[in-house]
Full PDB file with SEQRES, HELIX, SHEET, SSBOND, CRYST1, ORIGX, SCALE, CONECT and MASTER records, all heavy atoms in Angstrom:
SEQRES   1 A   38  PRO VAL LEU THR TRP THR LEU MET ALA VAL MET ALA GLY          
SEQRES   2 A   38  VAL PHE ALA TRP MET ARG TYR PHE PRO ASP ALA GLY ALA          
SEQRES   3 A   38  VAL ASP PRO TRP ARG PHE VAL PHE TYR PRO GLY ASP              
HELIX    1 AA1 VAL A    2  TYR A   20  1                                  19    
HELIX    2 AA2 PRO A   29  PHE A   32  5                                   4    
CRYST1    1.000    1.000    1.000  90.00  90.00  90.00 P 1           1          
ORIGX1      1.000000  0.000000  0.000000        0.00000                         
ORIGX2      0.000000  1.000000  0.000000        0.00000                         
ORIGX3      0.000000  0.000000  1.000000        0.00000                         
SCALE1      1.000000  0.000000  0.000000        0.00000                         
SCALE2      0.000000  1.000000  0.000000        0.00000                         
SCALE3      0.000000  0.000000  1.000000        0.00000                         
ATOM      1  N   PRO A   1      71.784-108.300 -23.507  1.00  0.00           N  
ATOM      2  CA  PRO A   1      70.467-108.616 -22.910  1.00  0.00           C  
ATOM      3  C   PRO A   1      69.673-109.583 -23.791  1.00  0.00           C  
ATOM      4  O   PRO A   1      68.629-109.227 -24.355  1.00  0.00           O  
ATOM      5  CB  PRO A   1      69.809-107.239 -22.821  1.00  0.00           C  
ATOM      6  CG  PRO A   1      70.379-106.481 -23.973  1.00  0.00           C  
ATOM      7  CD  PRO A   1      71.810-106.951 -24.105  1.00  0.00           C  
ATOM      8  N   VAL A   2      70.152-110.802 -23.883  1.00  0.00           N  
ATOM      9  CA  VAL A   2      69.557-111.770 -24.811  1.00  0.00           C  
ATOM     10  C   VAL A   2      68.098-112.049 -24.457  1.00  0.00           C  
ATOM     11  O   VAL A   2      67.234-112.129 -25.338  1.00  0.00           O  
ATOM     12  CB  VAL A   2      70.378-113.076 -24.816  1.00  0.00           C  
ATOM     13  CG1 VAL A   2      69.705-114.133 -25.700  1.00  0.00           C  
ATOM     14  CG2 VAL A   2      71.797-112.803 -25.308  1.00  0.00           C  
ATOM     15  N   LEU A   3      67.797-112.201 -23.168  1.00  0.00           N  
ATOM     16  CA  LEU A   3      66.424-112.514 -22.782  1.00  0.00           C  
ATOM     17  C   LEU A   3      65.494-111.336 -23.071  1.00  0.00           C  
ATOM     18  O   LEU A   3      64.361-111.522 -23.533  1.00  0.00           O  
ATOM     19  CB  LEU A   3      66.357-112.892 -21.306  1.00  0.00           C  
ATOM     20  CG  LEU A   3      64.960-113.296 -20.814  1.00  0.00           C  
ATOM     21  CD1 LEU A   3      64.391-114.442 -21.644  1.00  0.00           C  
ATOM     22  CD2 LEU A   3      64.980-113.668 -19.345  1.00  0.00           C  
ATOM     23  N   THR A   4      65.960-110.122 -22.811  1.00  0.00           N  
ATOM     24  CA  THR A   4      65.135-108.949 -23.133  1.00  0.00           C  
ATOM     25  C   THR A   4      64.804-108.922 -24.618  1.00  0.00           C  
ATOM     26  O   THR A   4      63.650-108.696 -25.010  1.00  0.00           O  
ATOM     27  CB  THR A   4      65.861-107.656 -22.722  1.00  0.00           C  
ATOM     28  OG1 THR A   4      66.093-107.665 -21.313  1.00  0.00           O  
ATOM     29  CG2 THR A   4      65.032-106.435 -23.084  1.00  0.00           C  
ATOM     30  N   TRP A   5      65.813-109.145 -25.456  1.00  0.00           N  
ATOM     31  CA  TRP A   5      65.575-109.169 -26.900  1.00  0.00           C  
ATOM     32  C   TRP A   5      64.613-110.296 -27.272  1.00  0.00           C  
ATOM     33  O   TRP A   5      63.765-110.133 -28.145  1.00  0.00           O  
ATOM     34  CB  TRP A   5      66.884-109.334 -27.642  1.00  0.00           C  
ATOM     35  CG  TRP A   5      67.807-108.170 -27.504  1.00  0.00           C  
ATOM     36  CD1 TRP A   5      67.498-106.900 -27.098  1.00  0.00           C  
ATOM     37  CD2 TRP A   5      69.216-108.162 -27.750  1.00  0.00           C  
ATOM     38  NE1 TRP A   5      68.608-106.099 -27.079  1.00  0.00           N  
ATOM     39  CE2 TRP A   5      69.681-106.843 -27.478  1.00  0.00           C  
ATOM     40  CE3 TRP A   5      70.132-109.123 -28.168  1.00  0.00           C  
ATOM     41  CZ2 TRP A   5      71.024-106.489 -27.627  1.00  0.00           C  
ATOM     42  CZ3 TRP A   5      71.465-108.764 -28.327  1.00  0.00           C  
ATOM     43  CH2 TRP A   5      71.907-107.468 -28.059  1.00  0.00           C  
ATOM     44  N   THR A   6      64.759-111.440 -26.600  1.00  0.00           N  
ATOM     45  CA  THR A   6      63.877-112.573 -26.893  1.00  0.00           C  
ATOM     46  C   THR A   6      62.428-112.237 -26.542  1.00  0.00           C  
ATOM     47  O   THR A   6      61.501-112.541 -27.307  1.00  0.00           O  
ATOM     48  CB  THR A   6      64.336-113.818 -26.127  1.00  0.00           C  
ATOM     49  OG1 THR A   6      65.687-114.138 -26.497  1.00  0.00           O  
ATOM     50  CG2 THR A   6      63.447-115.008 -26.432  1.00  0.00           C  
ATOM     51  N   LEU A   7      62.209-111.634 -25.377  1.00  0.00           N  
ATOM     52  CA  LEU A   7      60.858-111.237 -24.978  1.00  0.00           C  
ATOM     53  C   LEU A   7      60.258-110.251 -25.984  1.00  0.00           C  
ATOM     54  O   LEU A   7      59.080-110.362 -26.356  1.00  0.00           O  
ATOM     55  CB  LEU A   7      60.883-110.615 -23.587  1.00  0.00           C  
ATOM     56  CG  LEU A   7      61.203-111.561 -22.420  1.00  0.00           C  
ATOM     57  CD1 LEU A   7      61.393-110.763 -21.129  1.00  0.00           C  
ATOM     58  CD2 LEU A   7      60.100-112.599 -22.248  1.00  0.00           C  
ATOM     59  N   MET A   8      61.070-109.318 -26.430  1.00  0.00           N  
ATOM     60  CA  MET A   8      60.585-108.341 -27.408  1.00  0.00           C  
ATOM     61  C   MET A   8      60.218-109.034 -28.718  1.00  0.00           C  
ATOM     62  O   MET A   8      59.189-108.711 -29.340  1.00  0.00           O  
ATOM     63  CB  MET A   8      61.653-107.272 -27.641  1.00  0.00           C  
ATOM     64  CG  MET A   8      61.928-106.403 -26.418  1.00  0.00           C  
ATOM     65  SD  MET A   8      63.364-105.318 -26.608  1.00  0.00           S  
ATOM     66  CE  MET A   8      62.769-104.202 -27.873  1.00  0.00           C  
ATOM     67  N   ALA A   9      61.029-109.998 -29.141  1.00  0.00           N  
ATOM     68  CA  ALA A   9      60.743-110.718 -30.381  1.00  0.00           C  
ATOM     69  C   ALA A   9      59.471-111.549 -30.260  1.00  0.00           C  
ATOM     70  O   ALA A   9      58.662-111.617 -31.202  1.00  0.00           O  
ATOM     71  CB  ALA A   9      61.932-111.605 -30.751  1.00  0.00           C  
ATOM     72  N   VAL A  10      59.281-112.182 -29.098  1.00  0.00           N  
ATOM     73  CA  VAL A  10      58.070-112.990 -28.893  1.00  0.00           C  
ATOM     74  C   VAL A  10      56.835-112.095 -28.950  1.00  0.00           C  
ATOM     75  O   VAL A  10      55.820-112.438 -29.578  1.00  0.00           O  
ATOM     76  CB  VAL A  10      58.148-113.731 -27.545  1.00  0.00           C  
ATOM     77  CG1 VAL A  10      56.800-114.371 -27.208  1.00  0.00           C  
ATOM     78  CG2 VAL A  10      59.237-114.800 -27.601  1.00  0.00           C  
ATOM     79  N   MET A  11      56.896-110.936 -28.299  1.00  0.00           N  
ATOM     80  CA  MET A  11      55.751-110.018 -28.331  1.00  0.00           C  
ATOM     81  C   MET A  11      55.444-109.577 -29.752  1.00  0.00           C  
ATOM     82  O   MET A  11      54.266-109.528 -30.154  1.00  0.00           O  
ATOM     83  CB  MET A  11      56.038-108.801 -27.448  1.00  0.00           C  
ATOM     84  CG  MET A  11      56.113-109.091 -25.974  1.00  0.00           C  
ATOM     85  SD  MET A  11      56.541-107.583 -25.072  1.00  0.00           S  
ATOM     86  CE  MET A  11      57.101-108.297 -23.520  1.00  0.00           C  
ATOM     87  N   ALA A  12      56.488-109.229 -30.492  1.00  0.00           N  
ATOM     88  CA  ALA A  12      56.269-108.805 -31.878  1.00  0.00           C  
ATOM     89  C   ALA A  12      55.692-109.947 -32.707  1.00  0.00           C  
ATOM     90  O   ALA A  12      54.794-109.742 -33.538  1.00  0.00           O  
ATOM     91  CB  ALA A  12      57.585-108.306 -32.480  1.00  0.00           C  
ATOM     92  N   GLY A  13      56.182-111.164 -32.496  1.00  0.00           N  
ATOM     93  CA  GLY A  13      55.679-112.312 -33.241  1.00  0.00           C  
ATOM     94  C   GLY A  13      54.225-112.611 -32.919  1.00  0.00           C  
ATOM     95  O   GLY A  13      53.413-112.899 -33.818  1.00  0.00           O  
ATOM     96  N   VAL A  14      53.881-112.551 -31.626  1.00  0.00           N  
ATOM     97  CA  VAL A  14      52.491-112.808 -31.224  1.00  0.00           C  
ATOM     98  C   VAL A  14      51.571-111.736 -31.801  1.00  0.00           C  
ATOM     99  O   VAL A  14      50.456-112.024 -32.269  1.00  0.00           O  
ATOM    100  CB  VAL A  14      52.385-112.862 -29.689  1.00  0.00           C  
ATOM    101  CG1 VAL A  14      50.924-112.900 -29.257  1.00  0.00           C  
ATOM    102  CG2 VAL A  14      53.127-114.084 -29.153  1.00  0.00           C  
ATOM    103  N   PHE A  15      52.025-110.486 -31.808  1.00  0.00           N  
ATOM    104  CA  PHE A  15      51.208-109.414 -32.363  1.00  0.00           C  
ATOM    105  C   PHE A  15      50.980-109.631 -33.863  1.00  0.00           C  
ATOM    106  O   PHE A  15      49.859-109.427 -34.365  1.00  0.00           O  
ATOM    107  CB  PHE A  15      51.875-108.064 -32.132  1.00  0.00           C  
ATOM    108  CG  PHE A  15      51.144-106.914 -32.755  1.00  0.00           C  
ATOM    109  CD1 PHE A  15      49.967-106.452 -32.196  1.00  0.00           C  
ATOM    110  CD2 PHE A  15      51.618-106.309 -33.913  1.00  0.00           C  
ATOM    111  CE1 PHE A  15      49.273-105.388 -32.771  1.00  0.00           C  
ATOM    112  CE2 PHE A  15      50.932-105.262 -34.492  1.00  0.00           C  
ATOM    113  CZ  PHE A  15      49.758-104.790 -33.922  1.00  0.00           C  
ATOM    114  N   ALA A  16      52.037-110.026 -34.584  1.00  0.00           N  
ATOM    115  CA  ALA A  16      51.879-110.291 -36.015  1.00  0.00           C  
ATOM    116  C   ALA A  16      50.891-111.425 -36.246  1.00  0.00           C  
ATOM    117  O   ALA A  16      50.067-111.376 -37.180  1.00  0.00           O  
ATOM    118  CB  ALA A  16      53.240-110.628 -36.626  1.00  0.00           C  
ATOM    119  N   TRP A  17      50.952-112.437 -35.387  1.00  0.00           N  
ATOM    120  CA  TRP A  17      50.007-113.561 -35.505  1.00  0.00           C  
ATOM    121  C   TRP A  17      48.568-113.077 -35.291  1.00  0.00           C  
ATOM    122  O   TRP A  17      47.665-113.381 -36.078  1.00  0.00           O  
ATOM    123  CB  TRP A  17      50.386-114.630 -34.483  1.00  0.00           C  
ATOM    124  CG  TRP A  17      49.404-115.763 -34.370  1.00  0.00           C  
ATOM    125  CD1 TRP A  17      48.753-116.402 -35.388  1.00  0.00           C  
ATOM    126  CD2 TRP A  17      48.962-116.376 -33.155  1.00  0.00           C  
ATOM    127  NE1 TRP A  17      47.931-117.390 -34.896  1.00  0.00           N  
ATOM    128  CE2 TRP A  17      48.036-117.399 -33.527  1.00  0.00           C  
ATOM    129  CE3 TRP A  17      49.253-116.194 -31.819  1.00  0.00           C  
ATOM    130  CZ2 TRP A  17      47.420-118.212 -32.587  1.00  0.00           C  
ATOM    131  CZ3 TRP A  17      48.651-117.000 -30.882  1.00  0.00           C  
ATOM    132  CH2 TRP A  17      47.738-117.995 -31.258  1.00  0.00           C  
ATOM    133  N   MET A  18      48.364-112.301 -34.223  1.00  0.00           N  
ATOM    134  CA  MET A  18      47.017-111.816 -33.935  1.00  0.00           C  
ATOM    135  C   MET A  18      46.500-110.891 -35.037  1.00  0.00           C  
ATOM    136  O   MET A  18      45.334-110.972 -35.441  1.00  0.00           O  
ATOM    137  CB  MET A  18      47.008-111.042 -32.607  1.00  0.00           C  
ATOM    138  CG  MET A  18      47.219-111.864 -31.370  1.00  0.00           C  
ATOM    139  SD  MET A  18      47.131-110.811 -29.898  1.00  0.00           S  
ATOM    140  CE  MET A  18      45.448-110.212 -30.006  1.00  0.00           C  
ATOM    141  N   ARG A  19      47.380-110.019 -35.517  1.00  0.00           N  
ATOM    142  CA  ARG A  19      46.939-108.961 -36.423  1.00  0.00           C  
ATOM    143  C   ARG A  19      46.805-109.439 -37.874  1.00  0.00           C  
ATOM    144  O   ARG A  19      45.871-109.043 -38.578  1.00  0.00           O  
ATOM    145  CB  ARG A  19      47.946-107.803 -36.340  1.00  0.00           C  
ATOM    146  CG  ARG A  19      47.559-106.561 -37.116  1.00  0.00           C  
ATOM    147  CD  ARG A  19      46.378-105.857 -36.463  1.00  0.00           C  
ATOM    148  NE  ARG A  19      46.051-104.612 -37.133  1.00  0.00           N  
ATOM    149  CZ  ARG A  19      46.490-103.420 -36.747  1.00  0.00           C  
ATOM    150  NH1 ARG A  19      47.284-103.327 -35.690  1.00  0.00           N  
ATOM    151  NH2 ARG A  19      46.142-102.336 -37.389  1.00  0.00           N  
ATOM    152  N   TYR A  20      47.748-110.262 -38.312  1.00  0.00           N  
ATOM    153  CA  TYR A  20      47.807-110.571 -39.734  1.00  0.00           C  
ATOM    154  C   TYR A  20      47.541-112.039 -40.078  1.00  0.00           C  
ATOM    155  O   TYR A  20      47.185-112.351 -41.207  1.00  0.00           O  
ATOM    156  CB  TYR A  20      49.181-110.164 -40.287  1.00  0.00           C  
ATOM    157  CG  TYR A  20      49.473-108.700 -40.083  1.00  0.00           C  
ATOM    158  CD1 TYR A  20      50.426-108.281 -39.159  1.00  0.00           C  
ATOM    159  CD2 TYR A  20      48.786-107.736 -40.807  1.00  0.00           C  
ATOM    160  CE1 TYR A  20      50.699-106.940 -38.963  1.00  0.00           C  
ATOM    161  CE2 TYR A  20      49.047-106.387 -40.620  1.00  0.00           C  
ATOM    162  CZ  TYR A  20      50.005-105.993 -39.702  1.00  0.00           C  
ATOM    163  OH  TYR A  20      50.250-104.658 -39.508  1.00  0.00           O  
ATOM    164  N   PHE A  21      47.755-112.938 -39.123  1.00  0.00           N  
ATOM    165  CA  PHE A  21      47.569-114.366 -39.422  1.00  0.00           C  
ATOM    166  C   PHE A  21      46.735-115.063 -38.350  1.00  0.00           C  
ATOM    167  O   PHE A  21      47.122-116.105 -37.823  1.00  0.00           O  
ATOM    168  CB  PHE A  21      48.933-115.073 -39.534  1.00  0.00           C  
ATOM    169  CG  PHE A  21      49.915-114.352 -40.414  1.00  0.00           C  
ATOM    170  CD1 PHE A  21      50.942-113.600 -39.858  1.00  0.00           C  
ATOM    171  CD2 PHE A  21      49.807-114.417 -41.788  1.00  0.00           C  
ATOM    172  CE1 PHE A  21      51.849-112.931 -40.662  1.00  0.00           C  
ATOM    173  CE2 PHE A  21      50.711-113.754 -42.606  1.00  0.00           C  
ATOM    174  CZ  PHE A  21      51.736-113.006 -42.038  1.00  0.00           C  
ATOM    175  N   PRO A  22      45.588-114.520 -37.985  1.00  0.00           N  
ATOM    176  CA  PRO A  22      44.808-115.124 -36.893  1.00  0.00           C  
ATOM    177  C   PRO A  22      44.301-116.518 -37.217  1.00  0.00           C  
ATOM    178  O   PRO A  22      43.995-117.288 -36.296  1.00  0.00           O  
ATOM    179  CB  PRO A  22      43.647-114.136 -36.713  1.00  0.00           C  
ATOM    180  CG  PRO A  22      43.520-113.464 -38.036  1.00  0.00           C  
ATOM    181  CD  PRO A  22      44.916-113.349 -38.561  1.00  0.00           C  
ATOM    182  N   ASP A  23      44.193-116.847 -38.510  1.00  0.00           N  
ATOM    183  CA  ASP A  23      43.680-118.161 -38.896  1.00  0.00           C  
ATOM    184  C   ASP A  23      44.796-119.150 -39.216  1.00  0.00           C  
ATOM    185  O   ASP A  23      44.521-120.257 -39.684  1.00  0.00           O  
ATOM    186  CB  ASP A  23      42.762-118.022 -40.124  1.00  0.00           C  
ATOM    187  CG  ASP A  23      41.589-117.104 -39.838  1.00  0.00           C  
ATOM    188  OD1 ASP A  23      41.092-117.134 -38.700  1.00  0.00           O  
ATOM    189  OD2 ASP A  23      41.183-116.354 -40.753  1.00  0.00           O  
ATOM    190  N   ALA A  24      46.058-118.735 -38.964  1.00  0.00           N  
ATOM    191  CA  ALA A  24      47.184-119.605 -39.340  1.00  0.00           C  
ATOM    192  C   ALA A  24      47.290-120.820 -38.434  1.00  0.00           C  
ATOM    193  O   ALA A  24      47.812-121.861 -38.842  1.00  0.00           O  
ATOM    194  CB  ALA A  24      48.490-118.818 -39.301  1.00  0.00           C  
ATOM    195  N   GLY A  25      46.819-120.741 -37.228  1.00  0.00           N  
ATOM    196  CA  GLY A  25      46.910-121.864 -36.303  1.00  0.00           C  
ATOM    197  C   GLY A  25      45.552-122.477 -36.036  1.00  0.00           C  
ATOM    198  O   GLY A  25      44.511-122.008 -36.503  1.00  0.00           O  
ATOM    199  N   ALA A  26      45.598-123.534 -35.241  1.00  0.00           N  
ATOM    200  CA  ALA A  26      44.349-124.232 -34.919  1.00  0.00           C  
ATOM    201  C   ALA A  26      43.597-123.559 -33.785  1.00  0.00           C  
ATOM    202  O   ALA A  26      42.459-123.926 -33.485  1.00  0.00           O  
ATOM    203  CB  ALA A  26      44.651-125.682 -34.551  1.00  0.00           C  
ATOM    204  N   VAL A  27      44.227-122.561 -33.124  1.00  0.00           N  
ATOM    205  CA  VAL A  27      43.633-121.909 -31.964  1.00  0.00           C  
ATOM    206  C   VAL A  27      43.434-120.429 -32.264  1.00  0.00           C  
ATOM    207  O   VAL A  27      44.302-119.779 -32.857  1.00  0.00           O  
ATOM    208  CB  VAL A  27      44.536-122.081 -30.720  1.00  0.00           C  
ATOM    209  CG1 VAL A  27      43.896-121.425 -29.498  1.00  0.00           C  
ATOM    210  CG2 VAL A  27      44.813-123.555 -30.452  1.00  0.00           C  
ATOM    211  N   ASP A  28      42.307-119.905 -31.880  1.00  0.00           N  
ATOM    212  CA  ASP A  28      42.036-118.481 -32.024  1.00  0.00           C  
ATOM    213  C   ASP A  28      42.929-117.715 -31.039  1.00  0.00           C  
ATOM    214  O   ASP A  28      42.891-117.961 -29.822  1.00  0.00           O  
ATOM    215  CB  ASP A  28      40.564-118.207 -31.703  1.00  0.00           C  
ATOM    216  CG  ASP A  28      40.202-116.740 -31.871  1.00  0.00           C  
ATOM    217  OD1 ASP A  28      41.100-115.934 -32.190  1.00  0.00           O  
ATOM    218  OD2 ASP A  28      39.023-116.404 -31.673  1.00  0.00           O  
ATOM    219  N   PRO A  29      43.764-116.770 -31.520  1.00  0.00           N  
ATOM    220  CA  PRO A  29      44.682-116.064 -30.601  1.00  0.00           C  
ATOM    221  C   PRO A  29      43.960-115.311 -29.499  1.00  0.00           C  
ATOM    222  O   PRO A  29      44.517-115.104 -28.416  1.00  0.00           O  
ATOM    223  CB  PRO A  29      45.440-115.113 -31.534  1.00  0.00           C  
ATOM    224  CG  PRO A  29      44.608-115.006 -32.763  1.00  0.00           C  
ATOM    225  CD  PRO A  29      43.918-116.320 -32.907  1.00  0.00           C  
ATOM    226  N   TRP A  30      42.706-114.911 -29.721  1.00  0.00           N  
ATOM    227  CA  TRP A  30      41.996-114.159 -28.695  1.00  0.00           C  
ATOM    228  C   TRP A  30      41.634-115.025 -27.492  1.00  0.00           C  
ATOM    229  O   TRP A  30      41.229-114.490 -26.453  1.00  0.00           O  
ATOM    230  CB  TRP A  30      40.747-113.527 -29.298  1.00  0.00           C  
ATOM    231  CG  TRP A  30      41.108-112.383 -30.206  1.00  0.00           C  
ATOM    232  CD1 TRP A  30      41.315-112.454 -31.548  1.00  0.00           C  
ATOM    233  CD2 TRP A  30      41.351-111.035 -29.818  1.00  0.00           C  
ATOM    234  NE1 TRP A  30      41.668-111.220 -32.046  1.00  0.00           N  
ATOM    235  CE2 TRP A  30      41.703-110.317 -30.992  1.00  0.00           C  
ATOM    236  CE3 TRP A  30      41.305-110.347 -28.612  1.00  0.00           C  
ATOM    237  CZ2 TRP A  30      42.003-108.968 -30.979  1.00  0.00           C  
ATOM    238  CZ3 TRP A  30      41.607-108.991 -28.598  1.00  0.00           C  
ATOM    239  CH2 TRP A  30      41.947-108.313 -29.773  1.00  0.00           C  
ATOM    240  N   ARG A  31      41.801-116.315 -27.619  1.00  0.00           N  
ATOM    241  CA  ARG A  31      41.578-117.192 -26.457  1.00  0.00           C  
ATOM    242  C   ARG A  31      42.651-117.003 -25.388  1.00  0.00           C  
ATOM    243  O   ARG A  31      42.478-117.454 -24.257  1.00  0.00           O  
ATOM    244  CB  ARG A  31      41.561-118.654 -26.897  1.00  0.00           C  
ATOM    245  CG  ARG A  31      40.332-119.076 -27.683  1.00  0.00           C  
ATOM    246  CD  ARG A  31      40.327-120.574 -27.874  1.00  0.00           C  
ATOM    247  NE  ARG A  31      40.376-121.284 -26.595  1.00  0.00           N  
ATOM    248  CZ  ARG A  31      40.564-122.589 -26.477  1.00  0.00           C  
ATOM    249  NH1 ARG A  31      40.738-123.330 -27.568  1.00  0.00           N  
ATOM    250  NH2 ARG A  31      40.591-123.167 -25.295  1.00  0.00           N  
ATOM    251  N   PHE A  32      43.758-116.355 -25.750  1.00  0.00           N  
ATOM    252  CA  PHE A  32      44.867-116.175 -24.809  1.00  0.00           C  
ATOM    253  C   PHE A  32      44.766-114.856 -24.045  1.00  0.00           C  
ATOM    254  O   PHE A  32      45.625-114.542 -23.234  1.00  0.00           O  
ATOM    255  CB  PHE A  32      46.195-116.255 -25.555  1.00  0.00           C  
ATOM    256  CG  PHE A  32      46.458-117.598 -26.159  1.00  0.00           C  
ATOM    257  CD1 PHE A  32      46.124-117.856 -27.483  1.00  0.00           C  
ATOM    258  CD2 PHE A  32      47.019-118.617 -25.413  1.00  0.00           C  
ATOM    259  CE1 PHE A  32      46.360-119.099 -28.044  1.00  0.00           C  
ATOM    260  CE2 PHE A  32      47.264-119.865 -25.962  1.00  0.00           C  
ATOM    261  CZ  PHE A  32      46.922-120.108 -27.279  1.00  0.00           C  
ATOM    262  N   VAL A  33      43.753-114.044 -24.331  1.00  0.00           N  
ATOM    263  CA  VAL A  33      43.519-112.811 -23.577  1.00  0.00           C  
ATOM    264  C   VAL A  33      42.953-113.170 -22.207  1.00  0.00           C  
ATOM    265  O   VAL A  33      42.180-114.127 -22.067  1.00  0.00           O  
ATOM    266  CB  VAL A  33      42.552-111.890 -24.348  1.00  0.00           C  
ATOM    267  CG1 VAL A  33      42.237-110.643 -23.524  1.00  0.00           C  
ATOM    268  CG2 VAL A  33      43.149-111.513 -25.697  1.00  0.00           C  
ATOM    269  N   PHE A  34      43.319-112.409 -21.186  1.00  0.00           N  
ATOM    270  CA  PHE A  34      42.845-112.672 -19.823  1.00  0.00           C  
ATOM    271  C   PHE A  34      41.537-111.927 -19.572  1.00  0.00           C  
ATOM    272  O   PHE A  34      41.490-110.691 -19.569  1.00  0.00           O  
ATOM    273  CB  PHE A  34      43.892-112.229 -18.801  1.00  0.00           C  
ATOM    274  CG  PHE A  34      43.457-112.392 -17.368  1.00  0.00           C  
ATOM    275  CD1 PHE A  34      43.069-113.630 -16.878  1.00  0.00           C  
ATOM    276  CD2 PHE A  34      43.431-111.297 -16.513  1.00  0.00           C  
ATOM    277  CE1 PHE A  34      42.660-113.779 -15.559  1.00  0.00           C  
ATOM    278  CE2 PHE A  34      43.034-111.441 -15.188  1.00  0.00           C  
ATOM    279  CZ  PHE A  34      42.641-112.687 -14.718  1.00  0.00           C  
ATOM    280  N   TYR A  35      40.455-112.697 -19.376  1.00  0.00           N  
ATOM    281  CA  TYR A  35      39.155-112.146 -18.996  1.00  0.00           C  
ATOM    282  C   TYR A  35      38.881-112.579 -17.557  1.00  0.00           C  
ATOM    283  O   TYR A  35      38.675-113.766 -17.302  1.00  0.00           O  
ATOM    284  CB  TYR A  35      38.054-112.662 -19.921  1.00  0.00           C  
ATOM    285  CG  TYR A  35      38.185-112.180 -21.340  1.00  0.00           C  
ATOM    286  CD1 TYR A  35      38.799-112.980 -22.315  1.00  0.00           C  
ATOM    287  CD2 TYR A  35      37.711-110.929 -21.714  1.00  0.00           C  
ATOM    288  CE1 TYR A  35      38.925-112.530 -23.618  1.00  0.00           C  
ATOM    289  CE2 TYR A  35      37.835-110.477 -23.017  1.00  0.00           C  
ATOM    290  CZ  TYR A  35      38.447-111.279 -23.971  1.00  0.00           C  
ATOM    291  OH  TYR A  35      38.582-110.834 -25.261  1.00  0.00           O  
ATOM    292  N   PRO A  36      38.913-111.674 -16.625  1.00  0.00           N  
ATOM    293  CA  PRO A  36      38.745-112.039 -15.214  1.00  0.00           C  
ATOM    294  C   PRO A  36      37.453-112.820 -14.975  1.00  0.00           C  
ATOM    295  O   PRO A  36      36.367-112.399 -15.374  1.00  0.00           O  
ATOM    296  CB  PRO A  36      38.700-110.677 -14.511  1.00  0.00           C  
ATOM    297  CG  PRO A  36      39.414-109.749 -15.437  1.00  0.00           C  
ATOM    298  CD  PRO A  36      39.111-110.227 -16.809  1.00  0.00           C  
ATOM    299  N   GLY A  37      37.589-113.985 -14.375  1.00  0.00           N  
ATOM    300  CA  GLY A  37      36.442-114.818 -14.041  1.00  0.00           C  
ATOM    301  C   GLY A  37      35.876-115.587 -15.204  1.00  0.00           C  
ATOM    302  O   GLY A  37      34.864-116.287 -15.054  1.00  0.00           O  
ATOM    303  N   ASP A  38      36.515-115.493 -16.366  1.00  0.00           N  
ATOM    304  CA  ASP A  38      35.989-116.184 -17.549  1.00  0.00           C  
ATOM    305  C   ASP A  38      37.166-116.633 -18.397  1.00  0.00           C  
ATOM    306  O   ASP A  38      37.926-115.825 -18.913  1.00  0.00           O  
ATOM    307  CB  ASP A  38      35.076-115.255 -18.346  1.00  0.00           C  
ATOM    308  CG  ASP A  38      34.448-115.976 -19.540  1.00  0.00           C  
ATOM    309  OD1 ASP A  38      34.478-117.221 -19.552  1.00  0.00           O  
ATOM    310  OD2 ASP A  38      33.947-115.289 -20.438  1.00  0.00           O  
TER     311      ASP A  38                                                      
MASTER        0    0    0    2    0    0    0    6  310    1    0    3          
END                                                                             
């Protein structure tokens, strides 16, 4: 299940970015959260 493993790895990577390295990129990771109507 290569794609399943890939999805799991992406989720873990995104979580590590949000939790431990939020300033590592040029974009605030919280901008990717879905806020209905906003």
